[in-house]
Amino acid sequence: MIRIKIMRKADRSIESFSISGHANYAKHGEDIVCAGVSAVTVGTVNSIEALTGVVLDSKMKDGFLSGRLTSVDSDETSAKVQLLLESMVVMLNTIAGSYGTYIEIQDKK
């Protein structure tokens, strides 16, 4: 099972996330659930850096990805980063809507 944790501040903005585990929907190399989650999450980390210049404190290894937002220079940049992170949450919830047996999402402050 893929376990996703979204950690939020008191104002509900996302401060960090972590994804761990494997879906085991299909054999390695054919698992569309793992591929979808990986594409969404790694793509989000890359998009934040490419589109805002913000580099998340991130770690990635087999079956694990985490990202933590450190400092952001402006409110405008922060809003862009939050939009990209919220988009990631929407996409992950969409995948979970179809493959919920293989994904657990905790979204909390």
PDB file of N, CA and C in Angstrom:
ATOM      1  N   MET A   1       0.842  -1.179   0.000  1.00  0.00           N
ATOM      2  CA  MET A   1       0.000   0.000   0.000  1.00  0.00           C
ATOM      3  C   MET A   1       0.886   1.241   0.000  1.00  0.00           C
ATOM      4  N   ILE A   2       0.453   2.260  -0.737  1.00  0.00           N
ATOM      5  CA  ILE A   2       1.136   3.549  -0.737  1.00  0.00           C
ATOM      6  C   ILE A   2       0.500   4.394   0.356  1.00  0.00           C
ATOM      7  N   ARG A   3       1.348   4.943   1.223  1.00  0.00           N
ATOM      8  CA  ARG A   3       0.874   5.797   2.308  1.00  0.00           C
ATOM      9  C   ARG A   3       1.357   7.220   2.050  1.00  0.00           C
ATOM     10  N   ILE A   4       0.396   8.137   2.006  1.00  0.00           N
ATOM     11  CA  ILE A   4       0.691   9.531   1.709  1.00  0.00           C
ATOM     12  C   ILE A   4       0.295  10.368   2.917  1.00  0.00           C
ATOM     13  N   LYS A   5       1.217  11.210   3.366  1.00  0.00           N
ATOM     14  CA  LYS A   5       0.935  12.123   4.476  1.00  0.00           C
ATOM     15  C   LYS A   5       1.152  13.546   3.997  1.00  0.00           C
ATOM     16  N   ILE A   6       0.129  14.358   4.158  1.00  0.00           N
ATOM     17  CA  ILE A   6       0.188  15.777   3.844  1.00  0.00           C
ATOM     18  C   ILE A   6       0.122  16.512   5.181  1.00  0.00           C
ATOM     19  N   MET A   7       1.159  17.270   5.498  1.00  0.00           N
ATOM     20  CA  MET A   7       1.192  18.006   6.763  1.00  0.00           C
ATOM     21  C   MET A   7       0.937  19.482   6.476  1.00  0.00           C
ATOM     22  N   ARG A   8       0.012  20.049   7.240  1.00  0.00           N
ATOM     23  CA  ARG A   8      -0.388  21.438   7.039  1.00  0.00           C
ATOM     24  C   ARG A   8      -0.126  22.280   8.287  1.00  0.00           C
ATOM     25  N   LYS A   9       0.067  23.563   8.049  1.00  0.00           N
ATOM     26  CA  LYS A   9       0.178  24.529   9.144  1.00  0.00           C
ATOM     27  C   LYS A   9      -1.224  24.874   9.631  1.00  0.00           C
ATOM     28  N   ALA A  10      -1.308  25.667  10.668  1.00  0.00           N
ATOM     29  CA  ALA A  10      -2.599  26.066  11.224  1.00  0.00           C
ATOM     30  C   ALA A  10      -3.457  26.803  10.198  1.00  0.00           C
ATOM     31  N   ASP A  11      -2.826  27.522   9.265  1.00  0.00           N
ATOM     32  CA  ASP A  11      -3.584  28.249   8.239  1.00  0.00           C
ATOM     33  C   ASP A  11      -3.983  27.351   7.065  1.00  0.00           C
ATOM     34  N   ARG A  12      -3.747  26.043   7.182  1.00  0.00           N
ATOM     35  CA  ARG A  12      -4.061  24.996   6.202  1.00  0.00           C
ATOM     36  C   ARG A  12      -3.112  24.962   5.003  1.00  0.00           C
ATOM     37  N   SER A  13      -2.072  25.801   4.991  1.00  0.00           N
ATOM     38  CA  SER A  13      -1.090  25.717   3.911  1.00  0.00           C
ATOM     39  C   SER A  13      -0.240  24.464   4.124  1.00  0.00           C
ATOM     40  N   ILE A  14       0.213  23.895   3.035  1.00  0.00           N
ATOM     41  CA  ILE A  14       0.997  22.666   3.101  1.00  0.00           C
ATOM     42  C   ILE A  14       2.435  23.008   3.451  1.00  0.00           C
ATOM     43  N   GLU A  15       2.968  22.323   4.485  1.00  0.00           N
ATOM     44  CA  GLU A  15       4.363  22.543   4.859  1.00  0.00           C
ATOM     45  C   GLU A  15       5.251  21.370   4.459  1.00  0.00           C
ATOM     46  N   SER A  16       4.668  20.165   4.350  1.00  0.00           N
ATOM     47  CA  SER A  16       5.471  19.012   3.939  1.00  0.00           C
ATOM     48  C   SER A  16       4.553  17.876   3.501  1.00  0.00           C
ATOM     49  N   PHE A  17       5.174  16.897   2.851  1.00  0.00           N
ATOM     50  CA  PHE A  17       4.458  15.689   2.464  1.00  0.00           C
ATOM     51  C   PHE A  17       5.448  14.535   2.427  1.00  0.00           C
ATOM     52  N   SER A  18       4.917  13.330   2.552  1.00  0.00           N
ATOM     53  CA  SER A  18       5.743  12.134   2.385  1.00  0.00           C
ATOM     54  C   SER A  18       4.900  11.042   1.740  1.00  0.00           C
ATOM     55  N   ILE A  19       5.559  10.265   0.919  1.00  0.00           N
ATOM     56  CA  ILE A  19       4.923   9.144   0.234  1.00  0.00           C
ATOM     57  C   ILE A  19       5.815   7.945   0.451  1.00  0.00           C
ATOM     58  N   SER A  20       5.243   6.847   0.921  1.00  0.00           N
ATOM     59  CA  SER A  20       6.052   5.656   1.147  1.00  0.00           C
ATOM     60  C   SER A  20       5.273   4.405   0.764  1.00  0.00           C
ATOM     61  N   GLY A  21       6.021   3.385   0.406  1.00  0.00           N
ATOM     62  CA  GLY A  21       5.428   2.097   0.093  1.00  0.00           C
ATOM     63  C   GLY A  21       5.210   1.887  -1.387  1.00  0.00           C
ATOM     64  N   HIS A  22       4.664   0.737  -1.695  1.00  0.00           N
ATOM     65  CA  HIS A  22       4.350   0.348  -3.066  1.00  0.00           C
ATOM     66  C   HIS A  22       2.900  -0.117  -3.118  1.00  0.00           C
ATOM     67  N   ALA A  23       2.247   0.146  -4.211  1.00  0.00           N
ATOM     68  CA  ALA A  23       0.832  -0.214  -4.339  1.00  0.00           C
ATOM     69  C   ALA A  23       0.636  -1.725  -4.429  1.00  0.00           C
ATOM     70  N   ASN A  24       1.556  -2.405  -5.112  1.00  0.00           N
ATOM     71  CA  ASN A  24       1.397  -3.834  -5.384  1.00  0.00           C
ATOM     72  C   ASN A  24       0.120  -4.116  -6.167  1.00  0.00           C
ATOM     73  N   TYR A  25      -0.241  -3.183  -7.028  1.00  0.00           N
ATOM     74  CA  TYR A  25      -1.387  -3.357  -7.919  1.00  0.00           C
ATOM     75  C   TYR A  25      -1.040  -4.353  -9.015  1.00  0.00           C
ATOM     76  N   ALA A  26       0.208  -4.305  -9.467  1.00  0.00           N
ATOM     77  CA  ALA A  26       0.702  -5.204 -10.516  1.00  0.00           C
ATOM     78  C   ALA A  26       2.189  -5.421 -10.267  1.00  0.00           C
ATOM     79  N   LYS A  27       2.803  -6.283 -11.064  1.00  0.00           N
ATOM     80  CA  LYS A  27       4.219  -6.548 -10.853  1.00  0.00           C
ATOM     81  C   LYS A  27       5.054  -5.321 -11.199  1.00  0.00           C
ATOM     82  N   HIS A  28       6.266  -5.279 -10.642  1.00  0.00           N
ATOM     83  CA  HIS A  28       7.183  -4.156 -10.840  1.00  0.00           C
ATOM     84  C   HIS A  28       7.338  -3.864 -12.332  1.00  0.00           C
ATOM     85  N   GLY A  29       7.243  -2.583 -12.680  1.00  0.00           N
ATOM     86  CA  GLY A  29       7.350  -2.181 -14.076  1.00  0.00           C
ATOM     87  C   GLY A  29       6.013  -2.106 -14.791  1.00  0.00           C
ATOM     88  N   GLU A  30       4.974  -2.677 -14.185  1.00  0.00           N
ATOM     89  CA  GLU A  30       3.640  -2.652 -14.789  1.00  0.00           C
ATOM     90  C   GLU A  30       2.590  -2.061 -13.857  1.00  0.00           C
ATOM     91  N   ASP A  31       3.031  -1.562 -12.713  1.00  0.00           N
ATOM     92  CA  ASP A  31       2.118  -1.059 -11.688  1.00  0.00           C
ATOM     93  C   ASP A  31       1.712   0.380 -12.009  1.00  0.00           C
ATOM     94  N   ILE A  32       0.519   0.531 -12.583  1.00  0.00           N
ATOM     95  CA  ILE A  32       0.068   1.857 -12.992  1.00  0.00           C
ATOM     96  C   ILE A  32      -0.237   2.769 -11.801  1.00  0.00           C
ATOM     97  N   VAL A  33      -0.566   2.196 -10.658  1.00  0.00           N
ATOM     98  CA  VAL A  33      -0.845   3.010  -9.474  1.00  0.00           C
ATOM     99  C   VAL A  33       0.447   3.645  -8.986  1.00  0.00           C
ATOM    100  N   CYS A  34       1.500   2.843  -8.835  1.00  0.00           N
ATOM    101  CA  CYS A  34       2.801   3.388  -8.426  1.00  0.00           C
ATOM    102  C   CYS A  34       3.308   4.401  -9.446  1.00  0.00           C
ATOM    103  N   ALA A  35       3.151   4.087 -10.715  1.00  0.00           N
ATOM    104  CA  ALA A  35       3.616   4.990 -11.767  1.00  0.00           C
ATOM    105  C   ALA A  35       2.871   6.321 -11.709  1.00  0.00           C
ATOM    106  N   GLY A  36       1.568   6.268 -11.502  1.00  0.00           N
ATOM    107  CA  GLY A  36       0.775   7.490 -11.419  1.00  0.00           C
ATOM    108  C   GLY A  36       1.159   8.355 -10.236  1.00  0.00           C
ATOM    109  N   VAL A  37       1.291   7.727  -9.071  1.00  0.00           N
ATOM    110  CA  VAL A  37       1.669   8.464  -7.867  1.00  0.00           C
ATOM    111  C   VAL A  37       3.074   9.048  -8.026  1.00  0.00           C
ATOM    112  N   SER A  38       3.985   8.278  -8.577  1.00  0.00           N
ATOM    113  CA  SER A  38       5.350   8.770  -8.794  1.00  0.00           C
ATOM    114  C   SER A  38       5.373   9.946  -9.763  1.00  0.00           C
ATOM    115  N   ALA A  39       4.637   9.835 -10.858  1.00  0.00           N
ATOM    116  CA  ALA A  39       4.605  10.914 -11.844  1.00  0.00           C
ATOM    117  C   ALA A  39       4.052  12.200 -11.236  1.00  0.00           C
ATOM    118  N   VAL A  40       2.989  12.082 -10.465  1.00  0.00           N
ATOM    119  CA  VAL A  40       2.375  13.260  -9.851  1.00  0.00           C
ATOM    120  C   VAL A  40       3.308  13.900  -8.830  1.00  0.00           C
ATOM    121  N   THR A  41       3.891  13.107  -7.955  1.00  0.00           N
ATOM    122  CA  THR A  41       4.682  13.670  -6.863  1.00  0.00           C
ATOM    123  C   THR A  41       6.048  14.175  -7.320  1.00  0.00           C
ATOM    124  N   VAL A  42       6.756  13.384  -8.096  1.00  0.00           N
ATOM    125  CA  VAL A  42       8.057  13.833  -8.603  1.00  0.00           C
ATOM    126  C   VAL A  42       7.850  15.015  -9.550  1.00  0.00           C
ATOM    127  N   GLY A  43       6.814  14.952 -10.363  1.00  0.00           N
ATOM    128  CA  GLY A  43       6.498  16.060 -11.254  1.00  0.00           C
ATOM    129  C   GLY A  43       6.203  17.346 -10.498  1.00  0.00           C
ATOM    130  N   THR A  44       5.533  17.235  -9.367  1.00  0.00           N
ATOM    131  CA  THR A  44       5.239  18.419  -8.559  1.00  0.00           C
ATOM    132  C   THR A  44       6.516  19.020  -7.990  1.00  0.00           C
ATOM    133  N   VAL A  45       7.392  18.191  -7.445  1.00  0.00           N
ATOM    134  CA  VAL A  45       8.663  18.693  -6.911  1.00  0.00           C
ATOM    135  C   VAL A  45       9.446  19.401  -8.020  1.00  0.00           C
ATOM    136  N   ASN A  46       9.524  18.781  -9.188  1.00  0.00           N
ATOM    137  CA  ASN A  46      10.239  19.386 -10.320  1.00  0.00           C
ATOM    138  C   ASN A  46       9.571  20.669 -10.793  1.00  0.00           C
ATOM    139  N   SER A  47       8.241  20.697 -10.818  1.00  0.00           N
ATOM    140  CA  SER A  47       7.505  21.890 -11.253  1.00  0.00           C
ATOM    141  C   SER A  47       7.717  23.052 -10.297  1.00  0.00           C
ATOM    142  N   ILE A  48       7.716  22.776  -9.009  1.00  0.00           N
ATOM    143  CA  ILE A  48       7.943  23.846  -8.033  1.00  0.00           C
ATOM    144  C   ILE A  48       9.301  24.494  -8.282  1.00  0.00           C
ATOM    145  N   GLU A  49      10.321  23.677  -8.472  1.00  0.00           N
ATOM    146  CA  GLU A  49      11.655  24.226  -8.706  1.00  0.00           C
ATOM    147  C   GLU A  49      11.721  24.981 -10.039  1.00  0.00           C
ATOM    148  N   ALA A  50      11.205  24.385 -11.108  1.00  0.00           N
ATOM    149  CA  ALA A  50      11.298  24.988 -12.434  1.00  0.00           C
ATOM    150  C   ALA A  50      10.462  26.258 -12.565  1.00  0.00           C
ATOM    151  N   LEU A  51       9.282  26.286 -11.955  1.00  0.00           N
ATOM    152  CA  LEU A  51       8.360  27.401 -12.156  1.00  0.00           C
ATOM    153  C   LEU A  51       8.449  28.504 -11.111  1.00  0.00           C
ATOM    154  N   THR A  52       8.996  28.176  -9.930  1.00  0.00           N
ATOM    155  CA  THR A  52       9.060  29.194  -8.866  1.00  0.00           C
ATOM    156  C   THR A  52      10.481  29.463  -8.387  1.00  0.00           C
ATOM    157  N   GLY A  53      11.411  28.575  -8.709  1.00  0.00           N
ATOM    158  CA  GLY A  53      12.779  28.725  -8.218  1.00  0.00           C
ATOM    159  C   GLY A  53      12.967  28.234  -6.795  1.00  0.00           C
ATOM    160  N   VAL A  54      11.893  27.756  -6.167  1.00  0.00           N
ATOM    161  CA  VAL A  54      11.959  27.248  -4.792  1.00  0.00           C
ATOM    162  C   VAL A  54      12.415  25.791  -4.835  1.00  0.00           C
ATOM    163  N   VAL A  55      13.439  25.483  -4.056  1.00  0.00           N
ATOM    164  CA  VAL A  55      13.930  24.112  -3.979  1.00  0.00           C
ATOM    165  C   VAL A  55      13.445  23.522  -2.659  1.00  0.00           C
ATOM    166  N   LEU A  56      12.591  22.518  -2.754  1.00  0.00           N
ATOM    167  CA  LEU A  56      12.104  21.845  -1.547  1.00  0.00           C
ATOM    168  C   LEU A  56      13.237  21.052  -0.913  1.00  0.00           C
ATOM    169  N   ASP A  57      13.187  20.926   0.396  1.00  0.00           N
ATOM    170  CA  ASP A  57      14.076  19.996   1.085  1.00  0.00           C
ATOM    171  C   ASP A  57      13.456  18.626   0.840  1.00  0.00           C
ATOM    172  N   SER A  58      13.994  17.883  -0.124  1.00  0.00           N
ATOM    173  CA  SER A  58      13.357  16.621  -0.505  1.00  0.00           C
ATOM    174  C   SER A  58      14.335  15.460  -0.409  1.00  0.00           C
ATOM    175  N   LYS A  59      13.756  14.288  -0.205  1.00  0.00           N
ATOM    176  CA  LYS A  59      14.515  13.043  -0.148  1.00  0.00           C
ATOM    177  C   LYS A  59      13.763  12.018  -0.989  1.00  0.00           C
ATOM    178  N   MET A  60      14.522  11.237  -1.750  1.00  0.00           N
ATOM    179  CA  MET A  60      13.893  10.218  -2.574  1.00  0.00           C
ATOM    180  C   MET A  60      14.768   8.976  -2.581  1.00  0.00           C
ATOM    181  N   LYS A  61      14.132   7.840  -2.357  1.00  0.00           N
ATOM    182  CA  LYS A  61      14.774   6.537  -2.524  1.00  0.00           C
ATOM    183  C   LYS A  61      13.681   5.567  -2.914  1.00  0.00           C
ATOM    184  N   ASP A  62      14.022   4.349  -3.177  1.00  0.00           N
ATOM    185  CA  ASP A  62      13.043   3.368  -3.636  1.00  0.00           C
ATOM    186  C   ASP A  62      11.831   3.318  -2.710  1.00  0.00           C
ATOM    187  N   GLY A  63      10.674   3.660  -3.260  1.00  0.00           N
ATOM    188  CA  GLY A  63       9.435   3.577  -2.498  1.00  0.00           C
ATOM    189  C   GLY A  63       9.235   4.698  -1.502  1.00  0.00           C
ATOM    190  N   PHE A  64      10.019   5.782  -1.607  1.00  0.00           N
ATOM    191  CA  PHE A  64       9.885   6.880  -0.641  1.00  0.00           C
ATOM    192  C   PHE A  64      10.205   8.212  -1.302  1.00  0.00           C
ATOM    193  N   LEU A  65       9.381   9.211  -1.021  1.00  0.00           N
ATOM    194  CA  LEU A  65       9.646  10.592  -1.423  1.00  0.00           C
ATOM    195  C   LEU A  65       9.074  11.491  -0.344  1.00  0.00           C
ATOM    196  N   SER A  66       9.868  12.472   0.069  1.00  0.00           N
ATOM    197  CA  SER A  66       9.359  13.478   0.998  1.00  0.00           C
ATOM    198  C   SER A  66       9.789  14.845   0.505  1.00  0.00           C
ATOM    199  N   GLY A  67       8.995  15.824   0.850  1.00  0.00           N
ATOM    200  CA  GLY A  67       9.312  17.203   0.514  1.00  0.00           C
ATOM    201  C   GLY A  67       8.874  18.116   1.631  1.00  0.00           C
ATOM    202  N   ARG A  68       9.756  19.039   1.991  1.00  0.00           N
ATOM    203  CA  ARG A  68       9.449  20.016   3.039  1.00  0.00           C
ATOM    204  C   ARG A  68       9.748  21.400   2.489  1.00  0.00           C
ATOM    205  N   LEU A  69       8.797  22.287   2.680  1.00  0.00           N
ATOM    206  CA  LEU A  69       8.951  23.662   2.254  1.00  0.00           C
ATOM    207  C   LEU A  69       9.743  24.399   3.325  1.00  0.00           C
ATOM    208  N   THR A  70      10.840  25.002   2.927  1.00  0.00           N
ATOM    209  CA  THR A  70      11.633  25.769   3.887  1.00  0.00           C
ATOM    210  C   THR A  70      11.211  27.229   3.791  1.00  0.00           C
ATOM    211  N   SER A  71      12.075  28.106   3.391  1.00  0.00           N
ATOM    212  CA  SER A  71      11.689  29.516   3.317  1.00  0.00           C
ATOM    213  C   SER A  71      11.338  29.903   1.879  1.00  0.00           C
ATOM    214  N   VAL A  72      10.383  30.800   1.780  1.00  0.00           N
ATOM    215  CA  VAL A  72       9.959  31.338   0.482  1.00  0.00           C
ATOM    216  C   VAL A  72      10.081  32.859   0.583  1.00  0.00           C
ATOM    217  N   ASP A  73      10.652  33.457  -0.458  1.00  0.00           N
ATOM    218  CA  ASP A  73      10.993  34.881  -0.412  1.00  0.00           C
ATOM    219  C   ASP A  73       9.818  35.845  -0.430  1.00  0.00           C
ATOM    220  N   SER A  74       8.732  35.480  -1.102  1.00  0.00           N
ATOM    221  CA  SER A  74       7.626  36.437  -1.236  1.00  0.00           C
ATOM    222  C   SER A  74       6.280  35.733  -1.103  1.00  0.00           C
ATOM    223  N   ASP A  75       5.269  36.534  -0.812  1.00  0.00           N
ATOM    224  CA  ASP A  75       3.908  35.996  -0.728  1.00  0.00           C
ATOM    225  C   ASP A  75       3.452  35.481  -2.084  1.00  0.00           C
ATOM    226  N   GLU A  76       3.859  36.159  -3.156  1.00  0.00           N
ATOM    227  CA  GLU A  76       3.479  35.740  -4.503  1.00  0.00           C
ATOM    228  C   GLU A  76       4.062  34.360  -4.830  1.00  0.00           C
ATOM    229  N   THR A  77       5.330  34.170  -4.507  1.00  0.00           N
ATOM    230  CA  THR A  77       5.966  32.879  -4.753  1.00  0.00           C
ATOM    231  C   THR A  77       5.344  31.804  -3.875  1.00  0.00           C
ATOM    232  N   SER A  78       5.079  32.140  -2.626  1.00  0.00           N
ATOM    233  CA  SER A  78       4.446  31.192  -1.712  1.00  0.00           C
ATOM    234  C   SER A  78       3.094  30.740  -2.249  1.00  0.00           C
ATOM    235  N   ALA A  79       2.322  31.662  -2.795  1.00  0.00           N
ATOM    236  CA  ALA A  79       1.003  31.326  -3.354  1.00  0.00           C
ATOM    237  C   ALA A  79       1.146  30.372  -4.535  1.00  0.00           C
ATOM    238  N   LYS A  80       2.158  30.581  -5.368  1.00  0.00           N
ATOM    239  CA  LYS A  80       2.390  29.688  -6.511  1.00  0.00           C
ATOM    240  C   LYS A  80       2.773  28.292  -6.041  1.00  0.00           C
ATOM    241  N   VAL A  81       3.656  28.226  -5.043  1.00  0.00           N
ATOM    242  CA  VAL A  81       4.076  26.923  -4.506  1.00  0.00           C
ATOM    243  C   VAL A  81       2.872  26.201  -3.912  1.00  0.00           C
ATOM    244  N   GLN A  82       2.052  26.918  -3.154  1.00  0.00           N
ATOM    245  CA  GLN A  82       0.873  26.299  -2.541  1.00  0.00           C
ATOM    246  C   GLN A  82      -0.105  25.801  -3.599  1.00  0.00           C
ATOM    247  N   LEU A  83      -0.266  26.549  -4.679  1.00  0.00           N
ATOM    248  CA  LEU A  83      -1.157  26.114  -5.754  1.00  0.00           C
ATOM    249  C   LEU A  83      -0.656  24.800  -6.354  1.00  0.00           C
ATOM    250  N   LEU A  84       0.644  24.703  -6.585  1.00  0.00           N
ATOM    251  CA  LEU A  84       1.204  23.467  -7.137  1.00  0.00           C
ATOM    252  C   LEU A  84       1.057  22.307  -6.151  1.00  0.00           C
ATOM    253  N   LEU A  85       1.282  22.557  -4.864  1.00  0.00           N
ATOM    254  CA  LEU A  85       1.123  21.493  -3.864  1.00  0.00           C
ATOM    255  C   LEU A  85      -0.338  21.065  -3.734  1.00  0.00           C
ATOM    256  N   GLU A  86      -1.260  22.022  -3.757  1.00  0.00           N
ATOM    257  CA  GLU A  86      -2.685  21.673  -3.683  1.00  0.00           C
ATOM    258  C   GLU A  86      -3.111  20.902  -4.925  1.00  0.00           C
ATOM    259  N   SER A  87      -2.549  21.251  -6.071  1.00  0.00           N
ATOM    260  CA  SER A  87      -2.825  20.507  -7.294  1.00  0.00           C
ATOM    261  C   SER A  87      -2.364  19.064  -7.151  1.00  0.00           C
ATOM    262  N   MET A  88      -1.197  18.869  -6.540  1.00  0.00           N
ATOM    263  CA  MET A  88      -0.699  17.515  -6.287  1.00  0.00           C
ATOM    264  C   MET A  88      -1.701  16.729  -5.435  1.00  0.00           C
ATOM    265  N   VAL A  89      -2.234  17.363  -4.393  1.00  0.00           N
ATOM    266  CA  VAL A  89      -3.202  16.697  -3.520  1.00  0.00           C
ATOM    267  C   VAL A  89      -4.461  16.315  -4.297  1.00  0.00           C
ATOM    268  N   VAL A  90      -4.936  17.202  -5.158  1.00  0.00           N
ATOM    269  CA  VAL A  90      -6.113  16.901  -5.978  1.00  0.00           C
ATOM    270  C   VAL A  90      -5.834  15.687  -6.861  1.00  0.00           C
ATOM    271  N   MET A  91      -4.676  15.666  -7.512  1.00  0.00           N
ATOM    272  CA  MET A  91      -4.345  14.544  -8.401  1.00  0.00           C
ATOM    273  C   MET A  91      -4.205  13.238  -7.618  1.00  0.00           C
ATOM    274  N   LEU A  92      -3.598  13.288  -6.445  1.00  0.00           N
ATOM    275  CA  LEU A  92      -3.461  12.071  -5.628  1.00  0.00           C
ATOM    276  C   LEU A  92      -4.828  11.574  -5.171  1.00  0.00           C
ATOM    277  N   ASN A  93      -5.711  12.492  -4.784  1.00  0.00           N
ATOM    278  CA  ASN A  93      -7.069  12.094  -4.393  1.00  0.00           C
ATOM    279  C   ASN A  93      -7.835  11.512  -5.569  1.00  0.00           C
ATOM    280  N   THR A  94      -7.571  12.001  -6.765  1.00  0.00           N
ATOM    281  CA  THR A  94      -8.210  11.456  -7.964  1.00  0.00           C
ATOM    282  C   THR A  94      -7.761  10.014  -8.193  1.00  0.00           C
ATOM    283  N   ILE A  95      -6.460   9.766  -8.051  1.00  0.00           N
ATOM    284  CA  ILE A  95      -5.951   8.398  -8.182  1.00  0.00           C
ATOM    285  C   ILE A  95      -6.556   7.514  -7.098  1.00  0.00           C
ATOM    286  N   ALA A  96      -6.604   8.020  -5.870  1.00  0.00           N
ATOM    287  CA  ALA A  96      -7.172   7.251  -4.760  1.00  0.00           C
ATOM    288  C   ALA A  96      -8.652   6.964  -4.981  1.00  0.00           C
ATOM    289  N   GLY A  97      -9.347   7.854  -5.675  1.00  0.00           N
ATOM    290  CA  GLY A  97     -10.757   7.630  -5.980  1.00  0.00           C
ATOM    291  C   GLY A  97     -10.980   6.390  -6.830  1.00  0.00           C
ATOM    292  N   SER A  98     -10.020   6.086  -7.676  1.00  0.00           N
ATOM    293  CA  SER A  98     -10.128   4.901  -8.532  1.00  0.00           C
ATOM    294  C   SER A  98      -9.418   3.683  -7.965  1.00  0.00           C
ATOM    295  N   TYR A  99      -8.385   3.911  -7.175  1.00  0.00           N
ATOM    296  CA  TYR A  99      -7.541   2.806  -6.691  1.00  0.00           C
ATOM    297  C   TYR A  99      -7.342   2.898  -5.179  1.00  0.00           C
ATOM    298  N   GLY A 100      -8.399   3.261  -4.464  1.00  0.00           N
ATOM    299  CA  GLY A 100      -8.328   3.494  -3.021  1.00  0.00           C
ATOM    300  C   GLY A 100      -7.846   2.325  -2.191  1.00  0.00           C
ATOM    301  N   THR A 101      -7.985   1.123  -2.700  1.00  0.00           N
ATOM    302  CA  THR A 101      -7.517  -0.053  -1.967  1.00  0.00           C
ATOM    303  C   THR A 101      -5.995  -0.064  -1.864  1.00  0.00           C
ATOM    304  N   TYR A 102      -5.337   0.671  -2.746  1.00  0.00           N
ATOM    305  CA  TYR A 102      -3.882   0.643  -2.843  1.00  0.00           C
ATOM    306  C   TYR A 102      -3.217   1.911  -2.312  1.00  0.00           C
ATOM    307  N   ILE A 103      -4.031   2.902  -1.920  1.00  0.00           N
ATOM    308  CA  ILE A 103      -3.503   4.200  -1.487  1.00  0.00           C
ATOM    309  C   ILE A 103      -4.224   4.652  -0.224  1.00  0.00           C
ATOM    310  N   GLU A 104      -3.458   5.140   0.732  1.00  0.00           N
ATOM    311  CA  GLU A 104      -4.021   5.741   1.942  1.00  0.00           C
ATOM    312  C   GLU A 104      -3.487   7.163   2.035  1.00  0.00           C
ATOM    313  N   ILE A 105      -4.387   8.150   2.139  1.00  0.00           N
ATOM    314  CA  ILE A 105      -3.976   9.542   2.210  1.00  0.00           C
ATOM    315  C   ILE A 105      -4.400  10.117   3.556  1.00  0.00           C
ATOM    316  N   GLN A 106      -3.433  10.673   4.272  1.00  0.00           N
ATOM    317  CA  GLN A 106      -3.704  11.397   5.523  1.00  0.00           C
ATOM    318  C   GLN A 106      -3.379  12.858   5.253  1.00  0.00           C
ATOM    319  N   ASP A 107      -4.358  13.710   5.428  1.00  0.00           N
ATOM    320  CA  ASP A 107      -4.206  15.135   5.188  1.00  0.00           C
ATOM    321  C   ASP A 107      -4.543  15.819   6.491  1.00  0.00           C
ATOM    322  N   LYS A 108      -3.516  16.305   7.204  1.00  0.00           N
ATOM    323  CA  LYS A 108      -3.778  16.819   8.545  1.00  0.00           C
ATOM    324  C   LYS A 108      -2.892  18.010   8.892  1.00  0.00           C
ATOM    325  N   LYS A 109      -3.342  18.722   9.932  1.00  0.00           N
ATOM    326  CA  LYS A 109      -2.516  19.815  10.440  1.00  0.00           C
ATOM    327  C   LYS A 109      -1.984  19.466  11.797  1.00  0.00           C
TER     328      LYS A 109
END
